[in-house]
Amino acid sequence: MRSEQQNNLPSMGNPVHLLAFGFGSGLLPKAPGTFGTLVGIPVYLAMQPLSLVYYLTITAAAFLLGIWLCERTSRDLGVHDHGGIVWDEIVGYLVTMTFAPSGWVWLMVGFILFRFFDIVKPWPIRWIDRRVKGGFGIMVDDLIAGLFAAVCLVLLNQLEWF
């Protein structure tokens, strides 16, 4: 669980730690997951013009890379799912935004929805978060939170609420 802490600090000179900690955003003392998700916004904006196939391919590759990054960093730090590991939030936000319309309103609504599902962890997210360990466990709960948020964005767009 993220409440575990360790005295070992990541090395931002280590590219694995640098990525896992969201280019340093995970080092912030308050709300590292929120700041990690903020890092996902420019990543998403850079990927937004891509075709759906390329977008999904890069997002899937980032997820698979994240399994390894998060596992390795957790092992290096001696803490499962250290609170500063935020690669999972970046990828979760990319999942959230997969079918989102363009515009700043959608960026923010996607951000809020993803953070909501990532923090509240409704079933089955909390169940998975507590039972699935390792790099896959770190990544998969945010993948599911991103899927929940993506479905909400699609529904909001269909209802033309924004």
N, C-alpha and C. Protein backbone atom coordinates (compact mmCIF):
# COMPACT_ATOMS: atom_id res chain seq x y z
N MET A 1 0.84 -1.19 0.00
CA MET A 1 0.00 0.00 0.00
C MET A 1 0.88 1.24 0.00
N ARG A 2 0.33 2.34 -0.44
CA ARG A 2 1.10 3.57 -0.56
C ARG A 2 1.48 4.17 0.78
N SER A 3 0.84 3.75 1.86
CA SER A 3 1.16 4.34 3.16
C SER A 3 2.51 3.86 3.68
N GLU A 4 3.03 2.77 3.10
CA GLU A 4 4.35 2.31 3.52
C GLU A 4 5.38 3.34 3.08
N GLN A 5 6.35 3.58 3.94
CA GLN A 5 7.40 4.52 3.59
C GLN A 5 8.75 3.87 3.84
N GLN A 6 9.76 4.37 3.23
CA GLN A 6 11.09 3.83 3.35
C GLN A 6 12.06 5.01 3.37
N ASN A 7 13.16 4.82 4.10
CA ASN A 7 14.16 5.88 4.16
C ASN A 7 14.94 5.99 2.87
N ASN A 8 15.00 4.93 2.08
CA ASN A 8 15.71 4.98 0.81
C ASN A 8 15.02 5.95 -0.12
N LEU A 9 15.81 6.79 -0.77
CA LEU A 9 15.27 7.76 -1.72
C LEU A 9 15.67 7.34 -3.12
N PRO A 10 14.83 7.64 -4.08
CA PRO A 10 15.19 7.32 -5.46
C PRO A 10 16.32 8.23 -5.93
N SER A 11 17.03 7.76 -6.93
CA SER A 11 18.07 8.56 -7.54
C SER A 11 17.55 9.09 -8.87
N MET A 12 17.44 10.40 -9.00
CA MET A 12 16.97 10.97 -10.25
C MET A 12 18.03 10.86 -11.35
N GLY A 13 19.23 10.43 -10.97
CA GLY A 13 20.26 10.11 -11.96
C GLY A 13 20.07 8.73 -12.56
N ASN A 14 19.23 7.93 -11.93
CA ASN A 14 18.91 6.59 -12.43
C ASN A 14 17.69 6.74 -13.34
N PRO A 15 17.82 6.43 -14.64
CA PRO A 15 16.69 6.64 -15.56
C PRO A 15 15.44 5.84 -15.18
N VAL A 16 15.60 4.69 -14.54
CA VAL A 16 14.44 3.90 -14.11
C VAL A 16 13.69 4.66 -13.03
N HIS A 17 14.39 5.18 -12.03
CA HIS A 17 13.76 5.94 -10.95
C HIS A 17 13.18 7.24 -11.50
N LEU A 18 13.90 7.89 -12.41
CA LEU A 18 13.43 9.15 -12.99
C LEU A 18 12.07 8.96 -13.66
N LEU A 19 11.93 7.90 -14.44
CA LEU A 19 10.65 7.64 -15.10
C LEU A 19 9.58 7.22 -14.10
N ALA A 20 9.93 6.28 -13.21
CA ALA A 20 8.95 5.79 -12.23
C ALA A 20 8.42 6.94 -11.36
N PHE A 21 9.28 7.90 -11.04
CA PHE A 21 8.88 9.05 -10.23
C PHE A 21 8.40 10.21 -11.08
N GLY A 22 7.98 9.93 -12.30
CA GLY A 22 7.35 10.95 -13.15
C GLY A 22 8.21 12.17 -13.37
N PHE A 23 9.50 11.94 -13.69
CA PHE A 23 10.44 13.02 -13.96
C PHE A 23 10.62 13.92 -12.74
N GLY A 24 10.46 13.33 -11.56
CA GLY A 24 10.65 14.05 -10.30
C GLY A 24 9.36 14.53 -9.65
N SER A 25 8.24 14.46 -10.37
CA SER A 25 6.98 14.94 -9.79
C SER A 25 6.57 14.12 -8.56
N GLY A 26 6.96 12.87 -8.52
CA GLY A 26 6.63 12.01 -7.39
C GLY A 26 7.41 12.33 -6.13
N LEU A 27 8.41 13.19 -6.25
CA LEU A 27 9.20 13.59 -5.09
C LEU A 27 8.53 14.69 -4.27
N LEU A 28 7.49 15.31 -4.82
CA LEU A 28 6.83 16.38 -4.09
C LEU A 28 6.19 15.82 -2.82
N PRO A 29 6.32 16.53 -1.70
CA PRO A 29 5.88 15.97 -0.42
C PRO A 29 4.37 15.81 -0.26
N LYS A 30 3.60 16.59 -0.95
CA LYS A 30 2.14 16.52 -0.85
C LYS A 30 1.56 16.10 -2.19
N ALA A 31 0.64 15.15 -2.17
CA ALA A 31 -0.13 14.73 -3.33
C ALA A 31 0.73 14.35 -4.54
N PRO A 32 1.71 13.45 -4.37
CA PRO A 32 2.53 13.09 -5.52
C PRO A 32 1.74 12.46 -6.66
N GLY A 33 0.68 11.70 -6.34
CA GLY A 33 -0.14 11.11 -7.40
C GLY A 33 -0.84 12.16 -8.24
N THR A 34 -1.27 13.22 -7.61
CA THR A 34 -1.91 14.31 -8.35
C THR A 34 -0.90 15.00 -9.25
N PHE A 35 0.29 15.24 -8.74
CA PHE A 35 1.33 15.88 -9.56
C PHE A 35 1.80 14.94 -10.66
N GLY A 36 1.85 13.65 -10.38
CA GLY A 36 2.18 12.69 -11.43
C GLY A 36 1.15 12.69 -12.54
N THR A 37 -0.12 12.80 -12.16
CA THR A 37 -1.18 12.87 -13.16
C THR A 37 -1.05 14.14 -13.98
N LEU A 38 -0.65 15.23 -13.35
CA LEU A 38 -0.41 16.48 -14.10
C LEU A 38 0.66 16.30 -15.17
N VAL A 39 1.66 15.48 -14.87
CA VAL A 39 2.70 15.19 -15.88
C VAL A 39 2.07 14.47 -17.08
N GLY A 40 1.01 13.72 -16.82
CA GLY A 40 0.33 13.03 -17.91
C GLY A 40 -0.32 13.97 -18.91
N ILE A 41 -0.66 15.19 -18.51
CA ILE A 41 -1.33 16.13 -19.43
C ILE A 41 -0.45 16.48 -20.62
N PRO A 42 0.80 16.96 -20.44
CA PRO A 42 1.60 17.24 -21.64
C PRO A 42 1.94 15.99 -22.44
N VAL A 43 2.06 14.85 -21.77
CA VAL A 43 2.28 13.59 -22.50
C VAL A 43 1.07 13.32 -23.39
N TYR A 44 -0.12 13.47 -22.82
CA TYR A 44 -1.35 13.28 -23.59
C TYR A 44 -1.41 14.28 -24.75
N LEU A 45 -1.13 15.54 -24.49
CA LEU A 45 -1.20 16.56 -25.55
C LEU A 45 -0.25 16.24 -26.69
N ALA A 46 0.92 15.69 -26.36
CA ALA A 46 1.88 15.30 -27.41
C ALA A 46 1.34 14.11 -28.21
N MET A 47 0.58 13.24 -27.57
CA MET A 47 0.05 12.04 -28.24
C MET A 47 -1.31 12.26 -28.89
N GLN A 48 -2.01 13.31 -28.52
CA GLN A 48 -3.38 13.54 -28.99
C GLN A 48 -3.52 13.53 -30.52
N PRO A 49 -2.57 14.10 -31.28
CA PRO A 49 -2.75 14.09 -32.74
C PRO A 49 -2.57 12.71 -33.40
N LEU A 50 -2.07 11.74 -32.65
CA LEU A 50 -1.82 10.42 -33.23
C LEU A 50 -3.12 9.70 -33.55
N SER A 51 -3.03 8.78 -34.51
CA SER A 51 -4.19 7.93 -34.80
C SER A 51 -4.46 7.06 -33.57
N LEU A 52 -5.67 6.53 -33.48
CA LEU A 52 -6.04 5.69 -32.34
C LEU A 52 -5.11 4.48 -32.22
N VAL A 53 -4.73 3.89 -33.33
CA VAL A 53 -3.84 2.72 -33.30
C VAL A 53 -2.50 3.08 -32.66
N TYR A 54 -1.91 4.19 -33.07
CA TYR A 54 -0.62 4.60 -32.50
C TYR A 54 -0.78 5.00 -31.03
N TYR A 55 -1.87 5.71 -30.73
CA TYR A 55 -2.12 6.13 -29.35
C TYR A 55 -2.22 4.91 -28.43
N LEU A 56 -3.00 3.92 -28.84
CA LEU A 56 -3.17 2.72 -28.03
C LEU A 56 -1.89 1.91 -27.94
N THR A 57 -1.12 1.87 -29.02
CA THR A 57 0.15 1.14 -29.02
C THR A 57 1.13 1.76 -28.03
N ILE A 58 1.25 3.07 -28.07
CA ILE A 58 2.16 3.77 -27.15
C ILE A 58 1.68 3.62 -25.71
N THR A 59 0.38 3.75 -25.50
CA THR A 59 -0.17 3.61 -24.15
C THR A 59 0.05 2.19 -23.62
N ALA A 60 -0.16 1.19 -24.46
CA ALA A 60 0.08 -0.20 -24.05
C ALA A 60 1.56 -0.42 -23.75
N ALA A 61 2.43 0.14 -24.58
CA ALA A 61 3.87 0.02 -24.35
C ALA A 61 4.26 0.70 -23.04
N ALA A 62 3.67 1.86 -22.76
CA ALA A 62 3.95 2.58 -21.50
C ALA A 62 3.46 1.76 -20.31
N PHE A 63 2.33 1.08 -20.47
CA PHE A 63 1.83 0.20 -19.40
C PHE A 63 2.80 -0.95 -19.15
N LEU A 64 3.22 -1.62 -20.21
CA LEU A 64 4.14 -2.74 -20.06
C LEU A 64 5.48 -2.29 -19.50
N LEU A 65 5.99 -1.17 -19.99
CA LEU A 65 7.23 -0.62 -19.45
C LEU A 65 7.04 -0.29 -17.98
N GLY A 66 5.88 0.24 -17.64
CA GLY A 66 5.57 0.60 -16.25
C GLY A 66 5.62 -0.57 -15.30
N ILE A 67 5.20 -1.74 -15.75
CA ILE A 67 5.28 -2.93 -14.90
C ILE A 67 6.72 -3.13 -14.45
N TRP A 68 7.63 -3.06 -15.40
CA TRP A 68 9.04 -3.25 -15.09
C TRP A 68 9.61 -2.08 -14.27
N LEU A 69 9.31 -0.84 -14.69
CA LEU A 69 9.81 0.34 -13.97
C LEU A 69 9.38 0.33 -12.51
N CYS A 70 8.11 0.08 -12.29
CA CYS A 70 7.56 0.13 -10.93
C CYS A 70 8.08 -1.02 -10.08
N GLU A 71 8.19 -2.20 -10.66
CA GLU A 71 8.73 -3.35 -9.94
C GLU A 71 10.18 -3.09 -9.54
N ARG A 72 10.97 -2.63 -10.49
CA ARG A 72 12.40 -2.38 -10.24
C ARG A 72 12.59 -1.29 -9.20
N THR A 73 11.85 -0.20 -9.32
CA THR A 73 11.98 0.91 -8.37
C THR A 73 11.51 0.49 -6.99
N SER A 74 10.40 -0.24 -6.92
CA SER A 74 9.93 -0.74 -5.62
C SER A 74 10.98 -1.61 -4.96
N ARG A 75 11.58 -2.48 -5.73
CA ARG A 75 12.62 -3.36 -5.19
C ARG A 75 13.83 -2.55 -4.73
N ASP A 76 14.24 -1.57 -5.54
CA ASP A 76 15.38 -0.73 -5.18
C ASP A 76 15.14 0.03 -3.89
N LEU A 77 13.90 0.50 -3.69
CA LEU A 77 13.57 1.31 -2.52
C LEU A 77 13.12 0.46 -1.33
N GLY A 78 12.81 -0.79 -1.59
CA GLY A 78 12.38 -1.68 -0.52
C GLY A 78 10.96 -1.43 -0.05
N VAL A 79 10.12 -0.84 -0.92
CA VAL A 79 8.73 -0.52 -0.56
C VAL A 79 7.84 -0.87 -1.75
N HIS A 80 6.80 -1.67 -1.50
CA HIS A 80 5.83 -1.93 -2.57
C HIS A 80 4.98 -0.69 -2.77
N ASP A 81 4.92 -0.24 -4.00
CA ASP A 81 4.09 0.92 -4.40
C ASP A 81 4.37 2.15 -3.55
N HIS A 82 5.63 2.52 -3.50
CA HIS A 82 6.04 3.76 -2.83
C HIS A 82 5.18 4.91 -3.37
N GLY A 83 4.73 5.79 -2.50
CA GLY A 83 3.84 6.89 -2.88
C GLY A 83 4.39 7.79 -3.97
N GLY A 84 5.71 7.84 -4.11
CA GLY A 84 6.33 8.69 -5.12
C GLY A 84 6.37 8.07 -6.51
N ILE A 85 6.09 6.78 -6.60
CA ILE A 85 6.04 6.14 -7.92
C ILE A 85 4.75 6.58 -8.59
N VAL A 86 4.88 7.33 -9.68
CA VAL A 86 3.69 7.91 -10.33
C VAL A 86 3.58 7.57 -11.81
N TRP A 87 4.46 6.70 -12.30
CA TRP A 87 4.33 6.28 -13.71
C TRP A 87 2.94 5.69 -13.95
N ASP A 88 2.40 5.01 -12.96
CA ASP A 88 1.07 4.42 -13.08
C ASP A 88 -0.01 5.49 -13.26
N GLU A 89 0.15 6.63 -12.60
CA GLU A 89 -0.81 7.73 -12.77
C GLU A 89 -0.72 8.32 -14.17
N ILE A 90 0.49 8.46 -14.69
CA ILE A 90 0.67 9.00 -16.03
C ILE A 90 -0.04 8.10 -17.05
N VAL A 91 0.20 6.81 -16.95
CA VAL A 91 -0.43 5.86 -17.88
C VAL A 91 -1.94 5.81 -17.65
N GLY A 92 -2.38 5.84 -16.40
CA GLY A 92 -3.81 5.84 -16.12
C GLY A 92 -4.51 7.04 -16.74
N TYR A 93 -3.84 8.20 -16.72
CA TYR A 93 -4.43 9.39 -17.35
C TYR A 93 -4.50 9.21 -18.87
N LEU A 94 -3.48 8.60 -19.46
CA LEU A 94 -3.51 8.35 -20.90
C LEU A 94 -4.68 7.42 -21.26
N VAL A 95 -4.93 6.43 -20.43
CA VAL A 95 -6.07 5.54 -20.65
C VAL A 95 -7.37 6.33 -20.55
N THR A 96 -7.48 7.17 -19.54
CA THR A 96 -8.67 8.01 -19.35
C THR A 96 -8.98 8.82 -20.61
N MET A 97 -7.95 9.36 -21.22
CA MET A 97 -8.14 10.31 -22.32
C MET A 97 -8.22 9.66 -23.70
N THR A 98 -8.24 8.34 -23.76
CA THR A 98 -8.20 7.63 -25.05
C THR A 98 -9.27 8.10 -26.03
N PHE A 99 -10.50 8.25 -25.59
CA PHE A 99 -11.59 8.64 -26.49
C PHE A 99 -12.14 10.03 -26.18
N ALA A 100 -11.38 10.81 -25.43
CA ALA A 100 -11.84 12.15 -25.02
C ALA A 100 -11.84 13.12 -26.20
N PRO A 101 -12.84 13.97 -26.25
CA PRO A 101 -12.84 15.04 -27.25
C PRO A 101 -11.72 16.03 -26.95
N SER A 102 -11.39 16.84 -27.92
CA SER A 102 -10.37 17.87 -27.72
C SER A 102 -10.93 19.00 -26.86
N GLY A 103 -10.04 19.70 -26.20
CA GLY A 103 -10.42 20.88 -25.45
C GLY A 103 -9.98 20.82 -24.00
N TRP A 104 -9.74 22.02 -23.45
CA TRP A 104 -9.26 22.14 -22.07
C TRP A 104 -10.27 21.61 -21.05
N VAL A 105 -11.55 21.80 -21.34
CA VAL A 105 -12.57 21.30 -20.41
C VAL A 105 -12.43 19.79 -20.27
N TRP A 106 -12.24 19.09 -21.39
CA TRP A 106 -12.11 17.64 -21.34
C TRP A 106 -10.83 17.20 -20.66
N LEU A 107 -9.74 17.97 -20.84
CA LEU A 107 -8.49 17.67 -20.12
C LEU A 107 -8.73 17.70 -18.62
N MET A 108 -9.43 18.73 -18.16
CA MET A 108 -9.66 18.89 -16.72
C MET A 108 -10.68 17.88 -16.19
N VAL A 109 -11.75 17.64 -16.94
CA VAL A 109 -12.75 16.66 -16.51
C VAL A 109 -12.10 15.27 -16.44
N GLY A 110 -11.28 14.94 -17.43
CA GLY A 110 -10.56 13.67 -17.41
C GLY A 110 -9.63 13.58 -16.22
N PHE A 111 -8.94 14.67 -15.92
CA PHE A 111 -8.04 14.72 -14.77
C PHE A 111 -8.81 14.46 -13.47
N ILE A 112 -9.92 15.16 -13.31
CA ILE A 112 -10.72 15.04 -12.08
C ILE A 112 -11.31 13.64 -11.96
N LEU A 113 -11.84 13.12 -13.05
CA LEU A 113 -12.42 11.77 -13.00
C LEU A 113 -11.36 10.72 -12.69
N PHE A 114 -10.20 10.82 -13.32
CA PHE A 114 -9.15 9.84 -13.05
C PHE A 114 -8.70 9.92 -11.60
N ARG A 115 -8.46 11.13 -11.10
CA ARG A 115 -8.03 11.27 -9.71
C ARG A 115 -9.10 10.73 -8.76
N PHE A 116 -10.36 10.98 -9.07
CA PHE A 116 -11.45 10.47 -8.24
C PHE A 116 -11.38 8.94 -8.14
N PHE A 117 -11.34 8.27 -9.28
CA PHE A 117 -11.32 6.81 -9.26
C PHE A 117 -10.03 6.25 -8.68
N ASP A 118 -8.91 6.95 -8.88
CA ASP A 118 -7.64 6.49 -8.34
C ASP A 118 -7.60 6.65 -6.82
N ILE A 119 -8.20 7.69 -6.30
CA ILE A 119 -8.19 7.93 -4.85
C ILE A 119 -9.26 7.10 -4.14
N VAL A 120 -10.49 7.14 -4.64
CA VAL A 120 -11.61 6.45 -3.99
C VAL A 120 -11.49 4.93 -4.14
N LYS A 121 -11.00 4.49 -5.26
CA LYS A 121 -10.81 3.06 -5.54
C LYS A 121 -12.07 2.24 -5.31
N PRO A 122 -13.13 2.52 -6.09
CA PRO A 122 -14.33 1.68 -5.95
C PRO A 122 -14.03 0.25 -6.41
N TRP A 123 -14.93 -0.68 -6.01
CA TRP A 123 -14.74 -2.06 -6.43
C TRP A 123 -14.74 -2.12 -7.95
N PRO A 124 -13.88 -2.85 -8.59
CA PRO A 124 -12.90 -3.82 -8.07
C PRO A 124 -11.50 -3.23 -7.88
N ILE A 125 -11.37 -1.91 -8.04
CA ILE A 125 -10.03 -1.30 -7.98
C ILE A 125 -9.39 -1.55 -6.62
N ARG A 126 -10.10 -1.28 -5.54
CA ARG A 126 -9.54 -1.48 -4.19
C ARG A 126 -9.19 -2.95 -3.95
N TRP A 127 -10.06 -3.84 -4.38
CA TRP A 127 -9.83 -5.27 -4.20
C TRP A 127 -8.54 -5.69 -4.90
N ILE A 128 -8.37 -5.24 -6.14
CA ILE A 128 -7.17 -5.56 -6.91
C ILE A 128 -5.94 -4.90 -6.27
N ASP A 129 -6.08 -3.65 -5.86
CA ASP A 129 -4.96 -2.92 -5.25
C ASP A 129 -4.43 -3.66 -4.02
N ARG A 130 -5.32 -4.27 -3.26
CA ARG A 130 -4.91 -4.97 -2.03
C ARG A 130 -4.36 -6.37 -2.28
N ARG A 131 -4.69 -6.96 -3.41
CA ARG A 131 -4.33 -8.37 -3.62
C ARG A 131 -3.26 -8.61 -4.67
N VAL A 132 -3.14 -7.72 -5.64
CA VAL A 132 -2.18 -7.94 -6.72
C VAL A 132 -0.93 -7.13 -6.42
N LYS A 133 0.19 -7.80 -6.35
CA LYS A 133 1.44 -7.16 -5.93
C LYS A 133 2.39 -7.02 -7.12
N GLY A 134 3.54 -6.46 -6.83
CA GLY A 134 4.58 -6.30 -7.85
C GLY A 134 4.27 -5.16 -8.79
N GLY A 135 5.07 -5.07 -9.84
CA GLY A 135 4.89 -4.01 -10.82
C GLY A 135 3.54 -4.05 -11.50
N PHE A 136 3.05 -5.27 -11.77
CA PHE A 136 1.73 -5.39 -12.39
C PHE A 136 0.65 -4.86 -11.45
N GLY A 137 0.76 -5.15 -10.17
CA GLY A 137 -0.20 -4.67 -9.19
C GLY A 137 -0.21 -3.15 -9.10
N ILE A 138 0.97 -2.55 -9.16
CA ILE A 138 1.07 -1.09 -9.11
C ILE A 138 0.38 -0.47 -10.32
N MET A 139 0.56 -1.09 -11.47
CA MET A 139 0.03 -0.52 -12.71
C MET A 139 -1.46 -0.81 -12.93
N VAL A 140 -1.92 -2.01 -12.57
CA VAL A 140 -3.25 -2.43 -13.00
C VAL A 140 -4.38 -1.66 -12.32
N ASP A 141 -4.22 -1.25 -11.07
CA ASP A 141 -5.31 -0.50 -10.44
C ASP A 141 -5.51 0.85 -11.11
N ASP A 142 -4.42 1.46 -11.57
CA ASP A 142 -4.55 2.75 -12.28
C ASP A 142 -5.09 2.54 -13.70
N LEU A 143 -4.77 1.41 -14.30
CA LEU A 143 -5.35 1.08 -15.60
C LEU A 143 -6.87 1.00 -15.47
N ILE A 144 -7.35 0.31 -14.44
CA ILE A 144 -8.79 0.17 -14.25
C ILE A 144 -9.43 1.51 -13.89
N ALA A 145 -8.77 2.30 -13.04
CA ALA A 145 -9.28 3.64 -12.73
C ALA A 145 -9.38 4.47 -14.01
N GLY A 146 -8.39 4.34 -14.88
CA GLY A 146 -8.42 5.04 -16.16
C GLY A 146 -9.56 4.57 -17.05
N LEU A 147 -9.84 3.27 -17.04
CA LEU A 147 -10.96 2.74 -17.82
C LEU A 147 -12.29 3.27 -17.29
N PHE A 148 -12.45 3.28 -15.96
CA PHE A 148 -13.68 3.83 -15.37
C PHE A 148 -13.86 5.30 -15.77
N ALA A 149 -12.77 6.07 -15.66
CA ALA A 149 -12.84 7.50 -16.00
C ALA A 149 -13.11 7.68 -17.49
N ALA A 150 -12.53 6.83 -18.33
CA ALA A 150 -12.75 6.93 -19.78
C ALA A 150 -14.21 6.68 -20.12
N VAL A 151 -14.81 5.68 -19.48
CA VAL A 151 -16.23 5.39 -19.73
C VAL A 151 -17.08 6.60 -19.33
N CYS A 152 -16.74 7.21 -18.20
CA CYS A 152 -17.49 8.41 -17.76
C CYS A 152 -17.33 9.55 -18.77
N LEU A 153 -16.13 9.74 -19.30
CA LEU A 153 -15.92 10.80 -20.30
C LEU A 153 -16.74 10.54 -21.56
N VAL A 154 -16.75 9.30 -22.01
CA VAL A 154 -17.53 8.95 -23.20
C VAL A 154 -19.02 9.22 -22.95
N LEU A 155 -19.51 8.82 -21.77
CA LEU A 155 -20.92 9.05 -21.45
C LEU A 155 -21.23 10.55 -21.36
N LEU A 156 -20.35 11.31 -20.73
CA LEU A 156 -20.56 12.76 -20.64
C LEU A 156 -20.57 13.39 -22.03
N ASN A 157 -19.70 12.92 -22.90
CA ASN A 157 -19.68 13.45 -24.26
C ASN A 157 -20.95 13.08 -25.00
N GLN A 158 -21.43 11.85 -24.83
CA GLN A 158 -22.67 11.42 -25.48
C GLN A 158 -23.87 12.22 -24.98
N LEU A 159 -23.85 12.57 -23.70
CA LEU A 159 -24.94 13.36 -23.13
C LEU A 159 -24.79 14.85 -23.42
N GLU A 160 -23.64 15.21 -24.03
CA GLU A 160 -23.33 16.60 -24.39
C GLU A 160 -23.42 17.52 -23.18
N TRP A 161 -22.80 17.10 -22.08
CA TRP A 161 -22.82 17.92 -20.87
C TRP A 161 -21.80 19.04 -20.91
N PHE A 162 -20.81 18.90 -21.76
CA PHE A 162 -19.78 19.95 -21.83
C PHE A 162 -19.62 20.42 -23.25
